Amino acid sequence: MKILVCISHVPDTTSKINFTEGDTKFDTNGVQFVINPNDEFGLTRAMWFKEKQGATVDVVNVGGPETEPTLRKALAIGADAAIRVNTAATDGFSVAKQLANVVKNGGYDLVIAGRESIDYNGGLVPGMLAAMLDANFVTNCISLEIDGTSVKAVREIDGGKETVST
């Protein structure tokens, strides 16, 4: 199984945030950046599939050279390869489009993305990516099991949990 985990490069929530240019631009000086926590949960699950089922795990990020430390951390966690799409992550649609190209060219069996990034809290990219790929999509997934071609996902919904199977 070949897994792709989408990761975002986001400011650590413990960093002191400052603005420049009349308080209109985010000042990145002195700010520590990390893998988006929601994406790191997905990477952790992908590592489980690697260990238990022999999966290959790649990570992908859309961003400039400043995102390299985030990709290196994912490799240190255990990813087999890191892909950086060298373009600015200007909006969710353009990010999803770039990710869709990586998925189409990479022959991935499973794509894992966090439900939202902690910097913008949009949560749009995973759904747009699935739509662009005409792929199945499970939101708010809290459990994922794969056995051959059978998939069982549990997701949080209002008032409880729902199990989705193929």
Protein backbone atom coordinates (compact mmCIF):
# COMPACT_ATOMS: atom_id res chain seq x y z
CA MET A 1 0.00 0.00 0.00
CA LYS A 2 1.29 3.45 -0.91
CA ILE A 3 0.13 6.28 1.38
CA LEU A 4 0.45 10.03 0.91
CA VAL A 5 0.08 12.29 3.95
CA CYS A 6 -0.57 15.98 3.30
CA ILE A 7 1.17 18.18 5.85
CA SER A 8 0.97 21.90 6.53
CA HIS A 9 3.73 24.12 7.88
CA VAL A 10 2.08 26.16 10.65
CA PRO A 11 3.19 28.42 13.51
CA ASP A 12 3.56 26.68 16.86
CA THR A 13 0.71 27.88 19.06
CA THR A 14 3.18 28.61 21.86
CA SER A 15 5.12 31.14 19.74
CA LYS A 16 4.77 34.84 20.41
CA ILE A 17 3.01 36.41 17.44
CA ASN A 18 3.89 39.89 16.17
CA PHE A 19 2.76 41.93 13.20
CA THR A 20 4.56 44.45 10.99
CA GLU A 21 3.56 47.12 8.48
CA GLY A 22 0.88 48.77 10.58
CA ASP A 23 -0.23 45.51 12.19
CA THR A 24 -1.30 44.06 8.83
CA LYS A 25 1.46 41.52 8.08
CA PHE A 26 2.44 38.45 10.11
CA ASP A 27 6.05 38.76 11.32
CA THR A 28 7.69 35.32 11.16
CA ASN A 29 10.87 36.40 12.97
CA GLY A 30 11.35 34.27 16.06
CA VAL A 31 8.29 32.13 15.33
CA GLN A 32 8.72 28.36 15.57
CA PHE A 33 6.93 26.39 12.83
CA VAL A 34 5.71 22.80 13.20
CA ILE A 35 3.74 20.13 11.37
CA ASN A 36 0.06 21.00 11.67
CA PRO A 37 -1.14 18.86 14.64
CA ASN A 38 -4.14 17.50 12.72
CA ASP A 39 -1.80 16.40 9.92
CA GLU A 40 0.62 14.88 12.42
CA PHE A 41 -2.20 12.67 13.73
CA GLY A 42 -2.63 11.39 10.17
CA LEU A 43 1.11 10.84 9.81
CA THR A 44 1.09 8.85 13.04
CA ARG A 45 -1.66 6.58 11.68
CA ALA A 46 0.23 6.18 8.41
CA MET A 47 3.29 5.10 10.42
CA TRP A 48 1.12 2.42 12.04
CA PHE A 49 0.18 1.11 8.56
CA LYS A 50 3.86 1.16 7.63
CA GLU A 51 4.80 -0.88 10.68
CA LYS A 52 1.89 -3.34 10.63
CA GLN A 53 1.23 -3.75 6.90
CA GLY A 54 4.46 -2.71 5.20
CA ALA A 55 3.00 0.43 3.66
CA THR A 56 5.16 3.06 2.02
CA VAL A 57 4.52 6.55 3.41
CA ASP A 58 5.27 9.78 1.58
CA VAL A 59 4.50 13.28 2.83
CA VAL A 60 3.70 16.32 0.71
CA ASN A 61 3.66 20.02 1.44
CA VAL A 62 2.77 22.97 -0.76
CA GLY A 63 5.10 25.85 0.09
CA GLY A 64 8.46 27.48 -0.33
CA PRO A 65 11.91 26.58 1.02
CA GLU A 66 10.89 27.77 4.50
CA THR A 67 8.84 24.56 4.86
CA GLU A 68 11.89 22.27 4.59
CA PRO A 69 12.28 21.84 8.39
CA THR A 70 8.68 20.62 8.57
CA LEU A 71 9.35 18.05 5.86
CA ARG A 72 12.56 16.95 7.60
CA LYS A 73 10.62 16.41 10.82
CA ALA A 74 8.16 14.17 8.95
CA LEU A 75 11.10 12.16 7.62
CA ALA A 76 12.48 11.88 11.16
CA ILE A 77 9.11 10.55 12.32
CA GLY A 78 9.42 7.81 9.70
CA ALA A 79 8.11 8.96 6.33
CA ASP A 80 9.90 7.28 3.43
CA ALA A 81 9.96 10.34 1.18
CA ALA A 82 9.06 14.02 1.31
CA ILE A 83 7.68 16.05 -1.58
CA ARG A 84 7.60 19.82 -1.59
CA VAL A 85 5.51 21.52 -4.25
CA ASN A 86 7.53 24.70 -4.64
CA THR A 87 4.77 27.28 -4.85
CA ALA A 88 3.10 29.61 -2.38
CA ALA A 89 0.07 28.18 -0.61
CA THR A 90 -2.12 31.15 -1.49
CA ASP A 91 -5.58 29.62 -1.07
CA GLY A 92 -7.25 26.28 -0.45
CA PHE A 93 -8.25 25.68 -4.07
CA SER A 94 -4.74 26.18 -5.44
CA VAL A 95 -3.29 23.95 -2.70
CA ALA A 96 -5.84 21.20 -3.46
CA LYS A 97 -5.05 21.48 -7.17
CA GLN A 98 -1.32 21.09 -6.53
CA LEU A 99 -1.92 18.14 -4.21
CA ALA A 100 -4.21 16.48 -6.78
CA ASN A 101 -1.38 16.60 -9.32
CA VAL A 102 0.97 14.89 -6.87
CA VAL A 103 -1.61 12.18 -6.11
CA LYS A 104 -2.35 11.55 -9.81
CA ASN A 105 1.33 11.24 -10.67
CA GLY A 106 2.29 9.21 -7.59
CA GLY A 107 -0.02 6.21 -7.78
CA TYR A 108 -1.17 6.45 -4.17
CA ASP A 109 -3.67 4.01 -2.65
CA LEU A 110 -4.60 6.24 0.28
CA VAL A 111 -4.34 9.98 0.93
CA ILE A 112 -4.52 11.24 4.52
CA ALA A 113 -5.05 14.91 5.35
CA GLY A 114 -5.85 16.60 8.64
CA ARG A 115 -9.34 18.01 8.99
CA GLU A 116 -8.04 21.61 9.10
CA SER A 117 -4.87 23.59 9.67
CA ILE A 118 -4.48 25.49 12.91
CA ASP A 119 -3.40 28.69 11.16
CA TYR A 120 -6.45 29.24 8.92
CA ASN A 121 -8.95 26.69 10.31
CA GLY A 122 -10.55 26.42 6.88
CA GLY A 123 -10.79 22.66 6.52
CA LEU A 124 -11.54 23.00 2.79
CA VAL A 125 -8.49 21.38 1.20
CA PRO A 126 -9.26 17.70 1.97
CA GLY A 127 -12.77 17.89 0.52
CA MET A 128 -11.65 19.82 -2.56
CA LEU A 129 -8.82 17.34 -3.09
CA ALA A 130 -11.23 14.39 -2.93
CA ALA A 131 -13.58 16.11 -5.38
CA MET A 132 -10.74 16.79 -7.83
CA LEU A 133 -9.71 13.14 -7.65
CA ASP A 134 -13.29 11.82 -7.72
CA ALA A 135 -12.31 9.83 -4.62
CA ASN A 136 -14.12 8.67 -1.50
CA PHE A 137 -13.78 11.09 1.40
CA VAL A 138 -14.38 10.71 5.13
CA THR A 139 -14.41 13.81 7.33
CA ASN A 140 -13.51 13.90 11.03
CA CYS A 141 -12.09 10.37 10.88
CA ILE A 142 -11.05 9.08 14.30
CA SER A 143 -10.30 5.47 13.37
CA LEU A 144 -9.20 3.78 10.16
CA GLU A 145 -8.71 0.08 9.45
CA ILE A 146 -7.64 -1.42 6.13
CA ASP A 147 -7.67 -5.14 5.37
CA GLY A 148 -6.81 -5.88 1.76
CA THR A 149 -9.37 -3.95 -0.27
CA SER A 150 -11.77 -3.49 2.66
CA VAL A 151 -11.76 -0.18 4.51
CA LYS A 152 -13.54 0.70 7.76
CA ALA A 153 -13.52 4.29 8.99
CA VAL A 154 -15.13 5.72 12.10
CA ARG A 155 -15.89 9.42 12.14
CA GLU A 156 -17.29 11.87 14.65
CA ILE A 157 -20.72 13.27 13.89
CA ASP A 158 -23.14 15.40 15.88
CA GLY A 159 -24.23 13.31 18.82
CA GLY A 160 -21.86 10.39 18.35
CA LYS A 161 -19.92 8.32 15.85
CA GLU A 162 -20.61 6.82 12.45
CA THR A 163 -18.91 3.83 10.82
CA VAL A 164 -18.31 3.90 7.07
CA SER A 165 -17.18 0.74 5.25
CA THR A 166 -16.31 -0.32 1.72
